[in-house]
């Protein structure tokens, strides 16, 4: 199995910065894609950013130029640097990985970390 541990959420003032971390552990052969998603109250979960094992990134239009996703393959970790957050970025942020474990490909979600942006 593969487990994810997220950290770094909390309260931040609009225009500030916050960094989320996600560490994967367990029986991991490789991690293909790591990503961050978010879900605000009353809304569906949406993609924030993803990064492949080769470093290719994809961002939601709403966060382009403000958020940066990165990963450390030696630590099976992903990070989301949130710069100039806005109140509309308030949500529970979830880490997601597509990992190979043994002969299986797993789609794994973290438990989520709350990010609150105040105006």
PDB file of N, CA and C in Angstrom:
ATOM      1  N   UNK A   1       0.828  -1.186   0.000  1.00  0.00           N
ATOM      2  CA  UNK A   1       0.000   0.000   0.000  1.00  0.00           C
ATOM      3  C   UNK A   1       0.870   1.246   0.000  1.00  0.00           C
ATOM      4  N   UNK A   2       0.255   2.346  -0.370  1.00  0.00           N
ATOM      5  CA  UNK A   2       0.931   3.635  -0.397  1.00  0.00           C
ATOM      6  C   UNK A   2       0.139   4.610   0.453  1.00  0.00           C
ATOM      7  N   UNK A   3       0.828   5.353   1.288  1.00  0.00           N
ATOM      8  CA  UNK A   3       0.181   6.352   2.126  1.00  0.00           C
ATOM      9  C   UNK A   3       0.755   7.723   1.809  1.00  0.00           C
ATOM     10  N   UNK A   4      -0.085   8.736   2.007  1.00  0.00           N
ATOM     11  CA  UNK A   4       0.330  10.124   1.797  1.00  0.00           C
ATOM     12  C   UNK A   4       0.174  10.900   3.090  1.00  0.00           C
ATOM     13  N   UNK A   5       1.153  11.719   3.378  1.00  0.00           N
ATOM     14  CA  UNK A   5       1.095  12.602   4.543  1.00  0.00           C
ATOM     15  C   UNK A   5       1.245  14.031   4.066  1.00  0.00           C
ATOM     16  N   UNK A   6       0.223  14.839   4.316  1.00  0.00           N
ATOM     17  CA  UNK A   6       0.234  16.237   3.907  1.00  0.00           C
ATOM     18  C   UNK A   6       0.521  17.126   5.108  1.00  0.00           C
ATOM     19  N   UNK A   7       1.126  18.257   4.838  1.00  0.00           N
ATOM     20  CA  UNK A   7       1.386  19.226   5.888  1.00  0.00           C
ATOM     21  C   UNK A   7       1.505  20.614   5.277  1.00  0.00           C
ATOM     22  N   UNK A   8       1.448  21.606   6.136  1.00  0.00           N
ATOM     23  CA  UNK A   8       1.683  22.972   5.700  1.00  0.00           C
ATOM     24  C   UNK A   8       0.449  23.830   5.565  1.00  0.00           C
ATOM     25  N   UNK A   9      -0.730  23.239   5.721  1.00  0.00           N
ATOM     26  CA  UNK A   9      -1.939  24.041   5.619  1.00  0.00           C
ATOM     27  C   UNK A   9      -2.087  24.972   6.808  1.00  0.00           C
ATOM     28  N   UNK A  10      -3.060  25.851   6.707  1.00  0.00           N
ATOM     29  CA  UNK A  10      -3.308  26.769   7.805  1.00  0.00           C
ATOM     30  C   UNK A  10      -3.944  28.049   7.318  1.00  0.00           C
ATOM     31  N   UNK A  11      -3.749  29.082   8.095  1.00  0.00           N
ATOM     32  CA  UNK A  11      -4.321  30.389   7.785  1.00  0.00           C
ATOM     33  C   UNK A  11      -3.241  31.258   7.187  1.00  0.00           C
ATOM     34  N   UNK A  12      -3.617  32.024   6.173  1.00  0.00           N
ATOM     35  CA  UNK A  12      -2.682  32.951   5.557  1.00  0.00           C
ATOM     36  C   UNK A  12      -3.455  34.177   5.099  1.00  0.00           C
ATOM     37  N   UNK A  13      -2.809  35.296   5.165  1.00  0.00           N
ATOM     38  CA  UNK A  13      -3.443  36.521   4.708  1.00  0.00           C
ATOM     39  C   UNK A  13      -3.285  36.642   3.195  1.00  0.00           C
ATOM     40  N   UNK A  14      -4.279  37.203   2.542  1.00  0.00           N
ATOM     41  CA  UNK A  14      -4.200  37.409   1.096  1.00  0.00           C
ATOM     42  C   UNK A  14      -2.931  38.181   0.754  1.00  0.00           C
ATOM     43  N   UNK A  15      -2.243  37.716  -0.277  1.00  0.00           N
ATOM     44  CA  UNK A  15      -0.996  38.342  -0.672  1.00  0.00           C
ATOM     45  C   UNK A  15       0.226  37.766  -0.004  1.00  0.00           C
ATOM     46  N   UNK A  16       0.018  36.890   0.960  1.00  0.00           N
ATOM     47  CA  UNK A  16       1.129  36.263   1.657  1.00  0.00           C
ATOM     48  C   UNK A  16       1.652  35.057   0.890  1.00  0.00           C
ATOM     49  N   UNK A  17       2.112  34.062   1.623  1.00  0.00           N
ATOM     50  CA  UNK A  17       2.578  32.843   0.986  1.00  0.00           C
ATOM     51  C   UNK A  17       2.413  31.671   1.942  1.00  0.00           C
ATOM     52  N   UNK A  18       2.310  30.498   1.354  1.00  0.00           N
ATOM     53  CA  UNK A  18       2.131  29.268   2.116  1.00  0.00           C
ATOM     54  C   UNK A  18       2.693  28.124   1.293  1.00  0.00           C
ATOM     55  N   UNK A  19       3.265  27.143   1.945  1.00  0.00           N
ATOM     56  CA  UNK A  19       3.836  26.003   1.234  1.00  0.00           C
ATOM     57  C   UNK A  19       3.244  24.719   1.774  1.00  0.00           C
ATOM     58  N   UNK A  20       2.659  23.938   0.898  1.00  0.00           N
ATOM     59  CA  UNK A  20       2.117  22.633   1.252  1.00  0.00           C
ATOM     60  C   UNK A  20       3.116  21.544   0.868  1.00  0.00           C
ATOM     61  N   UNK A  21       3.165  20.524   1.699  1.00  0.00           N
ATOM     62  CA  UNK A  21       4.054  19.394   1.437  1.00  0.00           C
ATOM     63  C   UNK A  21       3.256  18.106   1.442  1.00  0.00           C
ATOM     64  N   UNK A  22       3.722  17.160   0.655  1.00  0.00           N
ATOM     65  CA  UNK A  22       3.088  15.840   0.582  1.00  0.00           C
ATOM     66  C   UNK A  22       4.195  14.803   0.460  1.00  0.00           C
ATOM     67  N   UNK A  23       4.199  13.856   1.374  1.00  0.00           N
ATOM     68  CA  UNK A  23       5.204  12.797   1.350  1.00  0.00           C
ATOM     69  C   UNK A  23       4.528  11.452   1.196  1.00  0.00           C
ATOM     70  N   UNK A  24       4.986  10.687   0.234  1.00  0.00           N
ATOM     71  CA  UNK A  24       4.441   9.355  -0.007  1.00  0.00           C
ATOM     72  C   UNK A  24       5.336   8.305   0.634  1.00  0.00           C
ATOM     73  N   UNK A  25       4.703   7.292   1.205  1.00  0.00           N
ATOM     74  CA  UNK A  25       5.462   6.220   1.827  1.00  0.00           C
ATOM     75  C   UNK A  25       4.767   4.886   1.563  1.00  0.00           C
ATOM     76  N   UNK A  26       5.488   3.834   1.826  1.00  0.00           N
ATOM     77  CA  UNK A  26       4.936   2.507   1.619  1.00  0.00           C
ATOM     78  C   UNK A  26       5.711   1.769   0.539  1.00  0.00           C
ATOM     79  N   UNK A  27       5.056   0.780  -0.035  1.00  0.00           N
ATOM     80  CA  UNK A  27       5.709  -0.048  -1.043  1.00  0.00           C
ATOM     81  C   UNK A  27       5.586   0.657  -2.396  1.00  0.00           C
ATOM     82  N   UNK A  28       6.565   1.469  -2.703  1.00  0.00           N
ATOM     83  CA  UNK A  28       6.530   2.293  -3.899  1.00  0.00           C
ATOM     84  C   UNK A  28       7.617   1.869  -4.858  1.00  0.00           C
ATOM     85  N   UNK A  29       7.218   1.502  -6.053  1.00  0.00           N
ATOM     86  CA  UNK A  29       8.195   1.214  -7.098  1.00  0.00           C
ATOM     87  C   UNK A  29       8.548   2.492  -7.851  1.00  0.00           C
ATOM     88  N   UNK A  30       7.532   3.259  -8.144  1.00  0.00           N
ATOM     89  CA  UNK A  30       7.738   4.550  -8.811  1.00  0.00           C
ATOM     90  C   UNK A  30       6.468   5.373  -8.665  1.00  0.00           C
ATOM     91  N   UNK A  31       6.627   6.680  -8.832  1.00  0.00           N
ATOM     92  CA  UNK A  31       5.478   7.585  -8.807  1.00  0.00           C
ATOM     93  C   UNK A  31       5.428   8.309 -10.137  1.00  0.00           C
ATOM     94  N   UNK A  32       4.348   8.133 -10.836  1.00  0.00           N
ATOM     95  CA  UNK A  32       4.230   8.737 -12.159  1.00  0.00           C
ATOM     96  C   UNK A  32       3.850  10.208 -12.066  1.00  0.00           C
ATOM     97  N   UNK A  33       2.728  10.473 -11.465  1.00  0.00           N
ATOM     98  CA  UNK A  33       2.214  11.832 -11.382  1.00  0.00           C
ATOM     99  C   UNK A  33       1.920  12.168  -9.930  1.00  0.00           C
ATOM    100  N   UNK A  34       2.263  13.355  -9.534  1.00  0.00           N
ATOM    101  CA  UNK A  34       1.893  13.888  -8.226  1.00  0.00           C
ATOM    102  C   UNK A  34       1.112  15.164  -8.462  1.00  0.00           C
ATOM    103  N   UNK A  35       0.093  15.370  -7.664  1.00  0.00           N
ATOM    104  CA  UNK A  35      -0.731  16.546  -7.895  1.00  0.00           C
ATOM    105  C   UNK A  35      -1.408  17.056  -6.650  1.00  0.00           C
ATOM    106  N   UNK A  36      -1.919  18.234  -6.781  1.00  0.00           N
ATOM    107  CA  UNK A  36      -2.719  18.873  -5.734  1.00  0.00           C
ATOM    108  C   UNK A  36      -4.093  19.212  -6.294  1.00  0.00           C
ATOM    109  N   UNK A  37      -5.107  18.893  -5.516  1.00  0.00           N
ATOM    110  CA  UNK A  37      -6.478  19.221  -5.847  1.00  0.00           C
ATOM    111  C   UNK A  37      -7.048  19.984  -4.653  1.00  0.00           C
ATOM    112  N   UNK A  38      -8.176  20.620  -4.849  1.00  0.00           N
ATOM    113  CA  UNK A  38      -8.806  21.324  -3.744  1.00  0.00           C
ATOM    114  C   UNK A  38     -10.314  21.247  -3.853  1.00  0.00           C
ATOM    115  N   UNK A  39     -10.930  21.392  -2.693  1.00  0.00           N
ATOM    116  CA  UNK A  39     -12.393  21.370  -2.640  1.00  0.00           C
ATOM    117  C   UNK A  39     -12.855  22.426  -1.664  1.00  0.00           C
ATOM    118  N   UNK A  40     -13.590  23.380  -2.180  1.00  0.00           N
ATOM    119  CA  UNK A  40     -14.175  24.430  -1.340  1.00  0.00           C
ATOM    120  C   UNK A  40     -15.569  23.996  -0.917  1.00  0.00           C
ATOM    121  N   UNK A  41     -16.077  24.552   0.169  1.00  0.00           N
ATOM    122  CA  UNK A  41     -17.420  24.174   0.635  1.00  0.00           C
ATOM    123  C   UNK A  41     -18.467  24.357  -0.458  1.00  0.00           C
ATOM    124  N   UNK A  42     -19.265  23.320  -0.672  1.00  0.00           N
ATOM    125  CA  UNK A  42     -20.330  23.390  -1.654  1.00  0.00           C
ATOM    126  C   UNK A  42     -19.886  23.258  -3.090  1.00  0.00           C
ATOM    127  N   UNK A  43     -18.607  23.002  -3.305  1.00  0.00           N
ATOM    128  CA  UNK A  43     -18.088  22.885  -4.670  1.00  0.00           C
ATOM    129  C   UNK A  43     -17.447  21.522  -4.888  1.00  0.00           C
ATOM    130  N   UNK A  44     -17.287  21.175  -6.153  1.00  0.00           N
ATOM    131  CA  UNK A  44     -16.637  19.913  -6.482  1.00  0.00           C
ATOM    132  C   UNK A  44     -15.120  20.036  -6.336  1.00  0.00           C
ATOM    133  N   UNK A  45     -14.489  18.908  -6.138  1.00  0.00           N
ATOM    134  CA  UNK A  45     -13.034  18.891  -6.080  1.00  0.00           C
ATOM    135  C   UNK A  45     -12.483  19.255  -7.459  1.00  0.00           C
ATOM    136  N   UNK A  46     -11.459  20.093  -7.462  1.00  0.00           N
ATOM    137  CA  UNK A  46     -10.888  20.544  -8.732  1.00  0.00           C
ATOM    138  C   UNK A  46      -9.369  20.446  -8.719  1.00  0.00           C
ATOM    139  N   UNK A  47      -8.826  20.317  -9.903  1.00  0.00           N
ATOM    140  CA  UNK A  47      -7.381  20.246 -10.035  1.00  0.00           C
ATOM    141  C   UNK A  47      -6.748  21.605  -9.763  1.00  0.00           C
ATOM    142  N   UNK A  48      -5.637  21.573  -9.045  1.00  0.00           N
ATOM    143  CA  UNK A  48      -4.843  22.773  -8.835  1.00  0.00           C
ATOM    144  C   UNK A  48      -3.586  22.707  -9.704  1.00  0.00           C
ATOM    145  N   UNK A  49      -2.834  21.622  -9.545  1.00  0.00           N
ATOM    146  CA  UNK A  49      -1.594  21.484 -10.319  1.00  0.00           C
ATOM    147  C   UNK A  49      -1.131  20.037 -10.267  1.00  0.00           C
ATOM    148  N   UNK A  50      -0.458  19.613 -11.332  1.00  0.00           N
ATOM    149  CA  UNK A  50       0.146  18.279 -11.362  1.00  0.00           C
ATOM    150  C   UNK A  50       1.569  18.381 -11.899  1.00  0.00           C
ATOM    151  N   UNK A  51       2.353  17.360 -11.561  1.00  0.00           N
ATOM    152  CA  UNK A  51       3.726  17.303 -12.056  1.00  0.00           C
ATOM    153  C   UNK A  51       4.077  15.851 -12.325  1.00  0.00           C
ATOM    154  N   UNK A  52       4.674  15.611 -13.470  1.00  0.00           N
ATOM    155  CA  UNK A  52       5.044  14.246 -13.830  1.00  0.00           C
ATOM    156  C   UNK A  52       6.420  13.907 -13.269  1.00  0.00           C
ATOM    157  N   UNK A  53       6.800  12.671 -13.409  1.00  0.00           N
ATOM    158  CA  UNK A  53       8.111  12.241 -12.933  1.00  0.00           C
ATOM    159  C   UNK A  53       9.233  12.945 -13.682  1.00  0.00           C
ATOM    160  N   UNK A  54       8.949  13.383 -14.895  1.00  0.00           N
ATOM    161  CA  UNK A  54       9.941  14.101 -15.682  1.00  0.00           C
ATOM    162  C   UNK A  54       9.958  15.592 -15.445  1.00  0.00           C
ATOM    163  N   UNK A  55       9.029  16.068 -14.627  1.00  0.00           N
ATOM    164  CA  UNK A  55       9.004  17.484 -14.276  1.00  0.00           C
ATOM    165  C   UNK A  55       8.029  18.333 -15.073  1.00  0.00           C
ATOM    166  N   UNK A  56       7.249  17.732 -15.948  1.00  0.00           N
ATOM    167  CA  UNK A  56       6.249  18.510 -16.678  1.00  0.00           C
ATOM    168  C   UNK A  56       5.113  18.894 -15.747  1.00  0.00           C
ATOM    169  N   UNK A  57       4.703  20.134 -15.836  1.00  0.00           N
ATOM    170  CA  UNK A  57       3.679  20.641 -14.927  1.00  0.00           C
ATOM    171  C   UNK A  57       2.428  21.076 -15.671  1.00  0.00           C
ATOM    172  N   UNK A  58       1.334  21.080 -14.926  1.00  0.00           N
ATOM    173  CA  UNK A  58       0.050  21.523 -15.449  1.00  0.00           C
ATOM    174  C   UNK A  58      -0.657  22.262 -14.329  1.00  0.00           C
ATOM    175  N   UNK A  59      -1.222  23.424 -14.659  1.00  0.00           N
ATOM    176  CA  UNK A  59      -1.870  24.248 -13.638  1.00  0.00           C
ATOM    177  C   UNK A  59      -3.289  24.623 -14.042  1.00  0.00           C
ATOM    178  N   UNK A  60      -4.123  24.781 -13.052  1.00  0.00           N
ATOM    179  CA  UNK A  60      -5.423  25.388 -13.287  1.00  0.00           C
ATOM    180  C   UNK A  60      -5.195  26.852 -13.654  1.00  0.00           C
ATOM    181  N   UNK A  61      -6.029  27.361 -14.549  1.00  0.00           N
ATOM    182  CA  UNK A  61      -5.867  28.752 -14.980  1.00  0.00           C
ATOM    183  C   UNK A  61      -5.924  29.707 -13.794  1.00  0.00           C
ATOM    184  N   UNK A  62      -6.717  29.362 -12.799  1.00  0.00           N
ATOM    185  CA  UNK A  62      -6.939  30.257 -11.671  1.00  0.00           C
ATOM    186  C   UNK A  62      -5.702  30.436 -10.794  1.00  0.00           C
ATOM    187  N   UNK A  63      -4.726  29.539 -10.911  1.00  0.00           N
ATOM    188  CA  UNK A  63      -3.544  29.635 -10.049  1.00  0.00           C
ATOM    189  C   UNK A  63      -2.263  29.880 -10.829  1.00  0.00           C
ATOM    190  N   UNK A  64      -2.354  29.891 -12.140  1.00  0.00           N
ATOM    191  CA  UNK A  64      -1.152  30.109 -12.956  1.00  0.00           C
ATOM    192  C   UNK A  64      -0.493  31.430 -12.603  1.00  0.00           C
ATOM    193  N   UNK A  65       0.811  31.377 -12.447  1.00  0.00           N
ATOM    194  CA  UNK A  65       1.563  32.570 -12.108  1.00  0.00           C
ATOM    195  C   UNK A  65       1.617  32.864 -10.622  1.00  0.00           C
ATOM    196  N   UNK A  66       0.829  32.159  -9.828  1.00  0.00           N
ATOM    197  CA  UNK A  66       0.822  32.379  -8.371  1.00  0.00           C
ATOM    198  C   UNK A  66       1.295  31.153  -7.600  1.00  0.00           C
ATOM    199  N   UNK A  67       0.901  29.974  -8.070  1.00  0.00           N
ATOM    200  CA  UNK A  67       1.262  28.739  -7.391  1.00  0.00           C
ATOM    201  C   UNK A  67       2.322  27.995  -8.202  1.00  0.00           C
ATOM    202  N   UNK A  68       3.188  27.284  -7.514  1.00  0.00           N
ATOM    203  CA  UNK A  68       4.219  26.488  -8.165  1.00  0.00           C
ATOM    204  C   UNK A  68       4.268  25.111  -7.537  1.00  0.00           C
ATOM    205  N   UNK A  69       4.161  24.098  -8.383  1.00  0.00           N
ATOM    206  CA  UNK A  69       4.275  22.726  -7.907  1.00  0.00           C
ATOM    207  C   UNK A  69       5.687  22.225  -8.201  1.00  0.00           C
ATOM    208  N   UNK A  70       6.214  21.464  -7.273  1.00  0.00           N
ATOM    209  CA  UNK A  70       7.530  20.869  -7.465  1.00  0.00           C
ATOM    210  C   UNK A  70       7.542  19.504  -6.778  1.00  0.00           C
ATOM    211  N   UNK A  71       8.580  18.744  -7.055  1.00  0.00           N
ATOM    212  CA  UNK A  71       8.675  17.433  -6.407  1.00  0.00           C
ATOM    213  C   UNK A  71      10.130  17.070  -6.211  1.00  0.00           C
ATOM    214  N   UNK A  72      10.340  16.219  -5.226  1.00  0.00           N
ATOM    215  CA  UNK A  72      11.660  15.665  -4.936  1.00  0.00           C
ATOM    216  C   UNK A  72      11.531  14.159  -5.067  1.00  0.00           C
ATOM    217  N   UNK A  73      12.010  13.634  -6.178  1.00  0.00           N
ATOM    218  CA  UNK A  73      11.841  12.205  -6.438  1.00  0.00           C
ATOM    219  C   UNK A  73      12.634  11.348  -5.445  1.00  0.00           C
ATOM    220  N   UNK A  74      13.685  11.903  -4.877  1.00  0.00           N
ATOM    221  CA  UNK A  74      14.474  11.125  -3.911  1.00  0.00           C
ATOM    222  C   UNK A  74      13.723  10.942  -2.600  1.00  0.00           C
ATOM    223  N   UNK A  75      12.760  11.814  -2.359  1.00  0.00           N
ATOM    224  CA  UNK A  75      11.987  11.741  -1.112  1.00  0.00           C
ATOM    225  C   UNK A  75      10.538  11.333  -1.349  1.00  0.00           C
ATOM    226  N   UNK A  76      10.180  11.068  -2.610  1.00  0.00           N
ATOM    227  CA  UNK A  76       8.780  10.785  -2.958  1.00  0.00           C
ATOM    228  C   UNK A  76       7.866  11.875  -2.404  1.00  0.00           C
ATOM    229  N   UNK A  77       8.277  13.110  -2.610  1.00  0.00           N
ATOM    230  CA  UNK A  77       7.555  14.243  -2.037  1.00  0.00           C
ATOM    231  C   UNK A  77       7.163  15.248  -3.114  1.00  0.00           C
ATOM    232  N   UNK A  78       6.075  15.924  -2.861  1.00  0.00           N
ATOM    233  CA  UNK A  78       5.614  16.998  -3.733  1.00  0.00           C
ATOM    234  C   UNK A  78       5.309  18.218  -2.870  1.00  0.00           C
ATOM    235  N   UNK A  79       5.430  19.370  -3.499  1.00  0.00           N
ATOM    236  CA  UNK A  79       5.224  20.614  -2.775  1.00  0.00           C
ATOM    237  C   UNK A  79       4.353  21.544  -3.615  1.00  0.00           C
ATOM    238  N   UNK A  80       3.607  22.397  -2.923  1.00  0.00           N
ATOM    239  CA  UNK A  80       2.841  23.431  -3.604  1.00  0.00           C
ATOM    240  C   UNK A  80       3.166  24.757  -2.931  1.00  0.00           C
ATOM    241  N   UNK A  81       3.886  25.586  -3.637  1.00  0.00           N
ATOM    242  CA  UNK A  81       4.195  26.918  -3.142  1.00  0.00           C
ATOM    243  C   UNK A  81       3.073  27.848  -3.575  1.00  0.00           C
ATOM    244  N   UNK A  82       2.386  28.418  -2.597  1.00  0.00           N
ATOM    245  CA  UNK A  82       1.255  29.286  -2.869  1.00  0.00           C
ATOM    246  C   UNK A  82       1.678  30.722  -2.580  1.00  0.00           C
ATOM    247  N   UNK A  83       1.865  31.481  -3.622  1.00  0.00           N
ATOM    248  CA  UNK A  83       2.202  32.895  -3.481  1.00  0.00           C
ATOM    249  C   UNK A  83       0.995  33.750  -3.857  1.00  0.00           C
ATOM    250  N   UNK A  84       0.885  34.856  -3.200  1.00  0.00           N
ATOM    251  CA  UNK A  84      -0.232  35.778  -3.439  1.00  0.00           C
ATOM    252  C   UNK A  84      -1.575  35.060  -3.442  1.00  0.00           C
ATOM    253  N   UNK A  85      -1.849  34.265  -2.416  1.00  0.00           N
ATOM    254  CA  UNK A  85      -3.148  33.604  -2.381  1.00  0.00           C
ATOM    255  C   UNK A  85      -4.272  34.613  -2.241  1.00  0.00           C
ATOM    256  N   UNK A  86      -5.457  34.193  -2.694  1.00  0.00           N
ATOM    257  CA  UNK A  86      -6.641  35.017  -2.639  1.00  0.00           C
ATOM    258  C   UNK A  86      -7.681  34.325  -1.760  1.00  0.00           C
ATOM    259  N   UNK A  87      -8.643  35.062  -1.242  1.00  0.00           N
ATOM    260  CA  UNK A  87      -9.693  34.418  -0.433  1.00  0.00           C
ATOM    261  C   UNK A  87     -10.386  33.269  -1.177  1.00  0.00           C
ATOM    262  N   UNK A  88     -10.506  33.371  -2.480  1.00  0.00           N
ATOM    263  CA  UNK A  88     -11.149  32.285  -3.236  1.00  0.00           C
ATOM    264  C   UNK A  88     -10.293  31.029  -3.332  1.00  0.00           C
ATOM    265  N   UNK A  89      -9.070  31.078  -2.864  1.00  0.00           N
ATOM    266  CA  UNK A  89      -8.233  29.883  -2.789  1.00  0.00           C
ATOM    267  C   UNK A  89      -8.508  29.072  -1.525  1.00  0.00           C
ATOM    268  N   UNK A  90      -9.353  29.596  -0.667  1.00  0.00           N
ATOM    269  CA  UNK A  90      -9.703  28.880   0.556  1.00  0.00           C
ATOM    270  C   UNK A  90     -10.377  27.558   0.212  1.00  0.00           C
ATOM    271  N   UNK A  91      -9.841  26.478   0.741  1.00  0.00           N
ATOM    272  CA  UNK A  91     -10.359  25.144   0.430  1.00  0.00           C
ATOM    273  C   UNK A  91      -9.578  24.106   1.224  1.00  0.00           C
ATOM    274  N   UNK A  92     -10.059  22.875   1.159  1.00  0.00           N
ATOM    275  CA  UNK A  92      -9.264  21.750   1.630  1.00  0.00           C
ATOM    276  C   UNK A  92      -8.424  21.286   0.434  1.00  0.00           C
ATOM    277  N   UNK A  93      -7.130  21.200   0.640  1.00  0.00           N
ATOM    278  CA  UNK A  93      -6.213  20.810  -0.422  1.00  0.00           C
ATOM    279  C   UNK A  93      -5.810  19.352  -0.229  1.00  0.00           C
ATOM    280  N   UNK A  94      -5.908  18.606  -1.308  1.00  0.00           N
ATOM    281  CA  UNK A  94      -5.611  17.182  -1.277  1.00  0.00           C
ATOM    282  C   UNK A  94      -4.427  16.857  -2.174  1.00  0.00           C
ATOM    283  N   UNK A  95      -3.534  16.065  -1.664  1.00  0.00           N
ATOM    284  CA  UNK A  95      -2.448  15.531  -2.462  1.00  0.00           C
ATOM    285  C   UNK A  95      -2.926  14.249  -3.147  1.00  0.00           C
ATOM    286  N   UNK A  96      -2.476  14.050  -4.361  1.00  0.00           N
ATOM    287  CA  UNK A  96      -2.838  12.847  -5.110  1.00  0.00           C
ATOM    288  C   UNK A  96      -1.615  12.329  -5.849  1.00  0.00           C
ATOM    289  N   UNK A  97      -1.423  11.021  -5.821  1.00  0.00           N
ATOM    290  CA  UNK A  97      -0.320  10.436  -6.577  1.00  0.00           C
ATOM    291  C   UNK A  97      -0.818   9.226  -7.354  1.00  0.00           C
ATOM    292  N   UNK A  98      -0.216   9.027  -8.502  1.00  0.00           N
ATOM    293  CA  UNK A  98      -0.392   7.799  -9.265  1.00  0.00           C
ATOM    294  C   UNK A  98       0.922   7.055  -9.123  1.00  0.00           C
ATOM    295  N   UNK A  99       0.874   5.972  -8.359  1.00  0.00           N
ATOM    296  CA  UNK A  99       2.097   5.278  -7.992  1.00  0.00           C
ATOM    297  C   UNK A  99       2.045   3.820  -8.437  1.00  0.00           C
ATOM    298  N   UNK A 100       3.190   3.302  -8.755  1.00  0.00           N
ATOM    299  CA  UNK A 100       3.330   1.879  -9.059  1.00  0.00           C
ATOM    300  C   UNK A 100       3.820   1.199  -7.797  1.00  0.00           C
ATOM    301  N   UNK A 101       3.055   0.203  -7.360  1.00  0.00           N
ATOM    302  CA  UNK A 101       3.398  -0.556  -6.163  1.00  0.00           C
ATOM    303  C   UNK A 101       3.364  -2.030  -6.546  1.00  0.00           C
ATOM    304  N   UNK A 102       4.524  -2.621  -6.618  1.00  0.00           N
ATOM    305  CA  UNK A 102       4.573  -3.993  -7.096  1.00  0.00           C
ATOM    306  C   UNK A 102       4.133  -4.060  -8.547  1.00  0.00           C
ATOM    307  N   UNK A 103       3.087  -4.830  -8.797  1.00  0.00           N
ATOM    308  CA  UNK A 103       2.561  -4.959 -10.163  1.00  0.00           C
ATOM    309  C   UNK A 103       1.294  -4.129 -10.363  1.00  0.00           C
ATOM    310  N   UNK A 104       0.989  -3.287  -9.379  1.00  0.00           N
ATOM    311  CA  UNK A 104      -0.241  -2.516  -9.460  1.00  0.00           C
ATOM    312  C   UNK A 104       0.043  -1.029  -9.598  1.00  0.00           C
ATOM    313  N   UNK A 105      -0.863  -0.360 -10.293  1.00  0.00           N
ATOM    314  CA  UNK A 105      -0.836   1.096 -10.362  1.00  0.00           C
ATOM    315  C   UNK A 105      -1.956   1.620  -9.482  1.00  0.00           C
ATOM    316  N   UNK A 106      -1.595   2.454  -8.538  1.00  0.00           N
ATOM    317  CA  UNK A 106      -2.545   2.931  -7.537  1.00  0.00           C
ATOM    318  C   UNK A 106      -2.779   4.428  -7.689  1.00  0.00           C
ATOM    319  N   UNK A 107      -3.992   4.839  -7.475  1.00  0.00           N
ATOM    320  CA  UNK A 107      -4.363   6.254  -7.432  1.00  0.00           C
ATOM    321  C   UNK A 107      -4.684   6.550  -5.967  1.00  0.00           C
ATOM    322  N   UNK A 108      -3.826   7.307  -5.319  1.00  0.00           N
ATOM    323  CA  UNK A 108      -3.894   7.482  -3.872  1.00  0.00           C
ATOM    324  C   UNK A 108      -4.162   8.942  -3.523  1.00  0.00           C
ATOM    325  N   UNK A 109      -5.033   9.139  -2.532  1.00  0.00           N
ATOM    326  CA  UNK A 109      -5.372  10.483  -2.057  1.00  0.00           C
ATOM    327  C   UNK A 109      -4.906  10.660  -0.615  1.00  0.00           C
ATOM    328  N   UNK A 110      -4.478  11.879  -0.308  1.00  0.00           N
ATOM    329  CA  UNK A 110      -4.192  12.224   1.073  1.00  0.00           C
ATOM    330  C   UNK A 110      -5.471  12.573   1.802  1.00  0.00           C
ATOM    331  N   UNK A 111      -5.324  12.852   3.099  1.00  0.00           N
ATOM    332  CA  UNK A 111      -6.496  13.129   3.919  1.00  0.00           C
ATOM    333  C   UNK A 111      -6.975  14.563   3.786  1.00  0.00           C
ATOM    334  N   UNK A 112      -6.139  15.411   3.201  1.00  0.00           N
ATOM    335  CA  UNK A 112      -6.521  16.801   2.999  1.00  0.00           C
ATOM    336  C   UNK A 112      -5.984  17.710   4.076  1.00  0.00           C
ATOM    337  N   UNK A 113      -5.681  18.931   3.689  1.00  0.00           N
ATOM    338  CA  UNK A 113      -5.223  19.936   4.637  1.00  0.00           C
ATOM    339  C   UNK A 113      -5.945  21.250   4.320  1.00  0.00           C
ATOM    340  N   UNK A 114      -6.460  21.874   5.370  1.00  0.00           N
ATOM    341  CA  UNK A 114      -7.261  23.088   5.199  1.00  0.00           C
ATOM    342  C   UNK A 114      -6.353  24.286   4.963  1.00  0.00           C
ATOM    343  N   UNK A 115      -6.710  25.072   3.953  1.00  0.00           N
ATOM    344  CA  UNK A 115      -6.044  26.347   3.697  1.00  0.00           C
ATOM    345  C   UNK A 115      -7.114  27.432   3.744  1.00  0.00           C
ATOM    346  N   UNK A 116      -6.900  28.407   4.593  1.00  0.00           N
ATOM    347  CA  UNK A 116      -7.842  29.514   4.732  1.00  0.00           C
ATOM    348  C   UNK A 116      -7.106  30.807   4.424  1.00  0.00           C
ATOM    349  N   UNK A 117      -7.613  31.552   3.451  1.00  0.00           N
ATOM    350  CA  UNK A 117      -7.003  32.814   3.047  1.00  0.00           C
ATOM    351  C   UNK A 117      -7.939  33.942   3.461  1.00  0.00           C
ATOM    352  N   UNK A 118      -7.427  34.831   4.285  1.00  0.00           N
ATOM    353  CA  UNK A 118      -8.255  35.934   4.756  1.00  0.00           C
ATOM    354  C   UNK A 118      -7.932  37.200   3.960  1.00  0.00           C
ATOM    355  N   UNK A 119      -8.947  38.012   3.793  1.00  0.00           N
ATOM    356  CA  UNK A 119      -8.759  39.256   3.019  1.00  0.00           C
ATOM    357  C   UNK A 119      -8.293  40.381   3.912  1.00  0.00           C
TER     358      UNK A 119
END
